[in-house]
Amino acid sequence: MTAQRPDPPPTGTAPGRISIDADLRLHKGTLALDTRLRTSEQRVAIVGPSGIGKTTILRILAGLEREASGRIVVGDATWASGGVPPWERGVGWMPQDALLFPHLDVLENLTFGGADRDTARRSAEAVECDHLLGRRPRNLSGGERQRVALARALVSAERLLLLDEPFGALDDARRHRVIGAVDRWLADHDVPMVLVSHDPRDADGLRCERWVLGDGGLERVERDAGAGQPAATEDGQAP
C-alpha cells in the first residue's frame, strides 16, 4: 500500500488570470439560457434546481449544443460555442449516463479518444476500476460503469474536465476515496474543471468555487459570505 500524501493546497491560475470565460446562450424548447461564467479559479461547481439548465451548460462547454451561441475561453483556447467540434476541444466529459461503448472492453473505452494505455491504467487505478479493464460494459454494475466513465473523462481532459453528477452511484466510503483521487489528479495535471452535483460533499471535497444557476442566470457564491454580506454576486463580479 502506498503512503497517503497530504492534500495539496487549492489550485488556481495566477492571480488575475482568467481560467474560464464563457458566454452561454441557448434557446431550445422551453429552455432560455443566457448567462456568463467568468472565473480565475480552476475548479467550479454549479448548483441549482433540476431542469434549470446545469447539464446544458456542460453540453455547451463540450461543444455538444450546436445551436448555442457565444464565445468560450478556456486558458489559451477560444471556441465559438457551436463552431469547434467536441473532439477538437480537448474536453473530458462525464455525462450522468455513462455512455460507454458496449462493444469495447473497459481499457478500450478508456483509450478510444487517443489516450495511451499506461495513462488509461493510471486513471483506472485512481478511481478504483483497474480490476475491470478486460470487462465489457454489460458486465459492470452501475457504480462500476460510473467509475469507468469518470476514468475516461480524466484521461480525455487535456484542456477542460466536465463532470455531471459523477459520484452519485458510489457508496459513502468509496465516494470519499474517489473524490480524493480526482482532487489529486486535477492537482497533478493542472486541468480546470466544471462540476454539476446536487451533493455539497462533492464541491467541498474538490474545493470548488460555487455558482448557483437560477432564473436570473449564474451567480457566484462568496466563500466568506457572512452576516451583512451578500451571499452571491452576479456573473462573478465583486459586490
Protein backbone atom coordinates (compact mmCIF):
# COMPACT_ATOMS: atom_id res chain seq x y z
CA MET A 1 0.00 0.00 0.00
CA THR A 2 1.37 3.39 -0.91
CA ALA A 3 1.56 6.13 1.69
CA GLN A 4 -1.22 8.71 1.55
CA ARG A 5 0.26 12.07 0.74
CA PRO A 6 -1.20 15.20 2.33
CA ASP A 7 -3.82 17.11 0.41
CA PRO A 8 -2.29 19.81 -1.81
CA PRO A 9 -3.43 23.40 -1.38
CA PRO A 10 -6.31 24.55 -3.60
CA THR A 11 -5.12 25.07 -7.13
CA GLY A 12 -5.77 28.04 -9.37
CA THR A 13 -4.31 30.14 -12.11
CA ALA A 14 -2.01 33.04 -11.44
CA PRO A 15 -3.75 35.98 -9.71
CA GLY A 16 -5.78 37.97 -12.19
CA ARG A 17 -5.58 35.37 -14.95
CA ILE A 18 -8.93 34.10 -16.18
CA SER A 19 -9.27 30.31 -16.23
CA ILE A 20 -12.74 30.13 -17.84
CA ASP A 21 -14.71 32.88 -19.57
CA ALA A 22 -17.83 31.56 -21.26
CA ASP A 23 -20.84 33.32 -22.76
CA LEU A 24 -23.56 30.70 -22.53
CA ARG A 25 -26.58 31.36 -24.73
CA LEU A 26 -29.10 28.81 -25.94
CA HIS A 27 -32.82 28.99 -26.67
CA LYS A 28 -34.17 25.48 -27.14
CA GLY A 29 -37.75 24.44 -26.50
CA THR A 30 -38.77 25.85 -23.12
CA LEU A 31 -35.15 26.49 -22.08
CA ALA A 32 -33.86 30.06 -22.44
CA LEU A 33 -30.27 30.23 -21.21
CA ASP A 34 -28.35 33.50 -21.40
CA THR A 35 -25.60 33.89 -18.81
CA ARG A 36 -21.84 34.12 -18.30
CA LEU A 37 -19.31 32.08 -16.36
CA ARG A 38 -16.11 34.05 -15.77
CA THR A 39 -13.62 32.94 -13.14
CA SER A 40 -9.92 32.74 -12.35
CA GLU A 41 -10.47 29.57 -10.30
CA GLN A 42 -9.57 26.16 -11.67
CA ARG A 43 -12.47 24.30 -10.06
CA VAL A 44 -16.09 25.36 -10.39
CA ALA A 45 -19.24 23.70 -9.06
CA ILE A 46 -22.66 24.66 -10.48
CA VAL A 47 -25.70 24.01 -8.31
CA GLY A 48 -29.38 24.80 -8.78
CA PRO A 49 -32.80 23.19 -9.11
CA SER A 50 -33.48 20.35 -11.53
CA GLY A 51 -34.35 21.37 -15.07
CA ILE A 52 -32.78 24.83 -14.80
CA GLY A 53 -30.02 24.12 -17.36
CA LYS A 54 -26.96 22.92 -15.41
CA THR A 55 -26.34 19.92 -17.68
CA THR A 56 -26.95 22.14 -20.71
CA ILE A 57 -24.08 24.38 -19.59
CA LEU A 58 -21.75 21.38 -19.59
CA ARG A 59 -23.00 20.35 -23.02
CA ILE A 60 -22.37 23.85 -24.39
CA LEU A 61 -18.83 23.84 -22.98
CA ALA A 62 -18.25 20.39 -24.51
CA GLY A 63 -19.46 21.58 -27.93
CA LEU A 64 -22.50 19.30 -27.98
CA GLU A 65 -25.14 22.01 -28.37
CA ARG A 66 -24.71 23.19 -31.96
CA GLU A 67 -27.49 25.78 -31.64
CA ALA A 68 -25.68 27.58 -28.80
CA SER A 69 -24.10 30.97 -29.43
CA GLY A 70 -21.39 32.95 -27.69
CA ARG A 71 -17.66 32.66 -27.11
CA ILE A 72 -15.86 30.30 -24.74
CA VAL A 73 -12.31 30.90 -23.50
CA VAL A 74 -10.54 28.16 -21.53
CA GLY A 75 -6.94 29.04 -20.75
CA ASP A 76 -5.34 29.92 -24.08
CA ALA A 77 -8.05 28.25 -26.20
CA THR A 78 -11.00 30.18 -27.67
CA TRP A 79 -14.06 28.50 -29.16
CA ALA A 80 -17.23 29.77 -30.74
CA SER A 81 -19.96 27.86 -28.90
CA GLY A 82 -21.12 25.85 -31.90
CA GLY A 83 -18.06 26.25 -34.09
CA VAL A 84 -15.38 23.88 -32.75
CA PRO A 85 -16.44 20.21 -32.66
CA PRO A 86 -16.17 18.32 -29.36
CA TRP A 87 -13.29 16.10 -30.50
CA GLU A 88 -11.10 19.16 -31.18
CA ARG A 89 -11.63 20.79 -27.78
CA GLY A 90 -9.57 18.51 -25.56
CA VAL A 91 -12.52 18.16 -23.18
CA GLY A 92 -13.13 15.23 -20.86
CA TRP A 93 -16.90 14.93 -20.38
CA MET A 94 -18.65 12.59 -17.99
CA PRO A 95 -22.44 12.63 -18.51
CA GLN A 96 -24.91 11.33 -15.95
CA ASP A 97 -25.43 8.27 -18.16
CA ALA A 98 -22.02 6.67 -18.55
CA LEU A 99 -22.43 6.22 -22.35
CA LEU A 100 -19.71 3.58 -22.59
CA PHE A 101 -19.18 1.82 -25.91
CA PRO A 102 -20.88 -1.56 -25.40
CA HIS A 103 -18.72 -3.41 -27.95
CA LEU A 104 -15.44 -2.36 -26.28
CA ASP A 105 -13.93 -3.55 -23.03
CA VAL A 106 -13.06 -1.07 -20.28
CA LEU A 107 -9.47 -0.48 -21.39
CA GLU A 108 -10.59 0.06 -24.99
CA ASN A 109 -13.20 2.55 -23.77
CA LEU A 110 -10.52 4.46 -21.87
CA THR A 111 -8.13 4.62 -24.84
CA PHE A 112 -10.76 5.29 -27.51
CA GLY A 113 -10.04 9.03 -27.57
CA GLY A 114 -6.31 8.52 -28.06
CA ALA A 115 -5.04 8.11 -24.50
CA ASP A 116 -2.10 5.74 -24.14
CA ARG A 117 -2.61 2.54 -22.20
CA ASP A 118 -0.34 3.49 -19.30
CA THR A 119 -2.26 6.70 -18.66
CA ALA A 120 -5.54 4.83 -19.01
CA ARG A 121 -4.43 2.27 -16.45
CA ARG A 122 -3.32 5.02 -14.04
CA SER A 123 -6.71 6.73 -14.29
CA ALA A 124 -8.49 3.40 -13.75
CA GLU A 125 -6.35 2.69 -10.69
CA ALA A 126 -7.03 6.19 -9.32
CA VAL A 127 -10.82 5.69 -9.36
CA GLU A 128 -10.69 2.00 -8.35
CA CYS A 129 -11.70 0.30 -11.57
CA ASP A 130 -8.34 -1.10 -12.73
CA HIS A 131 -9.54 -4.65 -11.96
CA LEU A 132 -12.27 -4.21 -14.58
CA LEU A 133 -10.11 -3.43 -17.63
CA GLY A 134 -10.98 -6.61 -19.52
CA ARG A 135 -14.75 -6.48 -18.96
CA ARG A 136 -17.47 -5.21 -21.30
CA PRO A 137 -19.93 -2.58 -20.00
CA ARG A 138 -22.80 -5.12 -19.86
CA ASN A 139 -20.86 -6.97 -17.17
CA LEU A 140 -20.46 -3.91 -14.94
CA SER A 141 -22.65 -2.64 -12.13
CA GLY A 142 -23.97 0.92 -12.13
CA GLY A 143 -21.23 2.12 -9.81
CA GLU A 144 -18.56 0.37 -11.88
CA ARG A 145 -19.82 1.97 -15.09
CA GLN A 146 -19.78 5.36 -13.39
CA ARG A 147 -16.15 4.93 -12.30
CA VAL A 148 -15.12 3.83 -15.80
CA ALA A 149 -16.83 6.88 -17.31
CA LEU A 150 -15.00 9.07 -14.78
CA ALA A 151 -11.65 7.48 -15.64
CA ARG A 152 -12.34 8.06 -19.35
CA ALA A 153 -13.13 11.73 -18.68
CA LEU A 154 -9.90 12.16 -16.73
CA VAL A 155 -7.67 10.80 -19.50
CA SER A 156 -9.53 12.83 -22.15
CA ALA A 157 -9.31 16.16 -20.31
CA GLU A 158 -6.43 17.95 -21.97
CA ARG A 159 -7.95 21.44 -21.55
CA LEU A 160 -11.14 21.02 -19.51
CA LEU A 161 -12.89 18.42 -17.33
CA LEU A 162 -16.71 18.39 -17.19
CA LEU A 163 -18.41 16.20 -14.59
CA ASP A 164 -22.19 15.73 -14.32
CA GLU A 165 -23.20 14.06 -11.03
CA PRO A 166 -20.04 11.92 -11.12
CA PHE A 167 -20.27 10.19 -7.73
CA GLY A 168 -24.00 9.54 -7.30
CA ALA A 169 -23.81 5.74 -7.70
CA LEU A 170 -20.99 5.27 -5.16
CA ASP A 171 -21.33 4.28 -1.52
CA ASP A 172 -20.09 6.82 1.03
CA ALA A 173 -16.70 5.22 1.72
CA ARG A 174 -15.80 4.78 -1.95
CA ARG A 175 -17.21 8.22 -2.79
CA HIS A 176 -14.80 9.79 -0.30
CA ARG A 177 -11.82 7.88 -1.73
CA VAL A 178 -12.68 8.61 -5.37
CA ILE A 179 -13.23 12.32 -4.70
CA GLY A 180 -9.78 12.41 -3.11
CA ALA A 181 -8.30 10.66 -6.15
CA VAL A 182 -9.91 13.16 -8.55
CA ASP A 183 -8.66 16.01 -6.38
CA ARG A 184 -5.09 14.73 -6.63
CA TRP A 185 -5.41 14.03 -10.39
CA LEU A 186 -6.52 17.62 -11.02
CA ALA A 187 -3.65 18.97 -8.95
CA ASP A 188 -1.12 16.83 -10.81
CA HIS A 189 -2.47 17.66 -14.30
CA ASP A 190 -3.43 21.33 -13.80
CA VAL A 191 -6.72 20.98 -15.69
CA PRO A 192 -9.72 23.24 -14.96
CA MET A 193 -12.97 21.52 -14.04
CA VAL A 194 -16.67 22.34 -14.05
CA LEU A 195 -18.76 20.11 -11.80
CA VAL A 196 -22.53 19.71 -11.61
CA SER A 197 -23.76 17.98 -8.46
CA HIS A 198 -26.71 18.00 -6.08
CA ASP A 199 -24.49 16.84 -3.20
CA PRO A 200 -22.47 19.59 -1.45
CA ARG A 201 -19.90 16.99 -0.37
CA ASP A 202 -18.70 16.79 -3.97
CA ALA A 203 -17.98 20.52 -4.22
CA ASP A 204 -16.44 20.55 -0.74
CA GLY A 205 -14.21 17.54 -1.42
CA LEU A 206 -12.93 19.03 -4.68
CA ARG A 207 -12.60 22.53 -3.15
CA CYS A 208 -14.67 24.22 -5.82
CA GLU A 209 -15.77 27.78 -6.28
CA ARG A 210 -19.58 27.56 -6.17
CA TRP A 211 -22.01 29.09 -8.63
CA VAL A 212 -25.81 28.97 -8.42
CA LEU A 213 -27.88 28.77 -11.59
CA GLY A 214 -31.34 30.27 -11.25
CA ASP A 215 -33.87 32.09 -13.38
CA GLY A 216 -31.58 35.13 -13.42
CA GLY A 217 -28.55 33.20 -14.66
CA LEU A 218 -25.34 32.26 -12.86
CA GLU A 219 -24.32 33.85 -9.57
CA ARG A 220 -21.05 33.17 -7.78
CA VAL A 221 -21.39 32.23 -4.12
CA GLU A 222 -18.98 34.12 -1.88
CA ARG A 223 -16.85 31.73 0.16
CA ASP A 224 -16.64 34.06 3.15
CA ALA A 225 -20.20 35.34 3.00
CA GLY A 226 -21.37 36.17 6.50
CA ALA A 227 -23.78 38.36 8.35
CA GLY A 228 -24.43 41.57 6.49
CA GLN A 229 -22.56 40.38 3.38
CA PRO A 230 -24.18 39.36 0.09
CA ALA A 231 -24.21 35.61 -0.47
CA ALA A 232 -23.62 35.82 -4.21
CA THR A 233 -22.57 38.21 -6.93
CA GLU A 234 -23.95 38.30 -10.43
CA ASP A 235 -21.64 36.79 -13.07
CA GLY A 236 -18.70 36.71 -10.67
CA GLN A 237 -18.39 40.49 -10.26
CA ALA A 238 -17.45 41.95 -6.90
CA PRO A 239 -20.38 43.40 -4.95
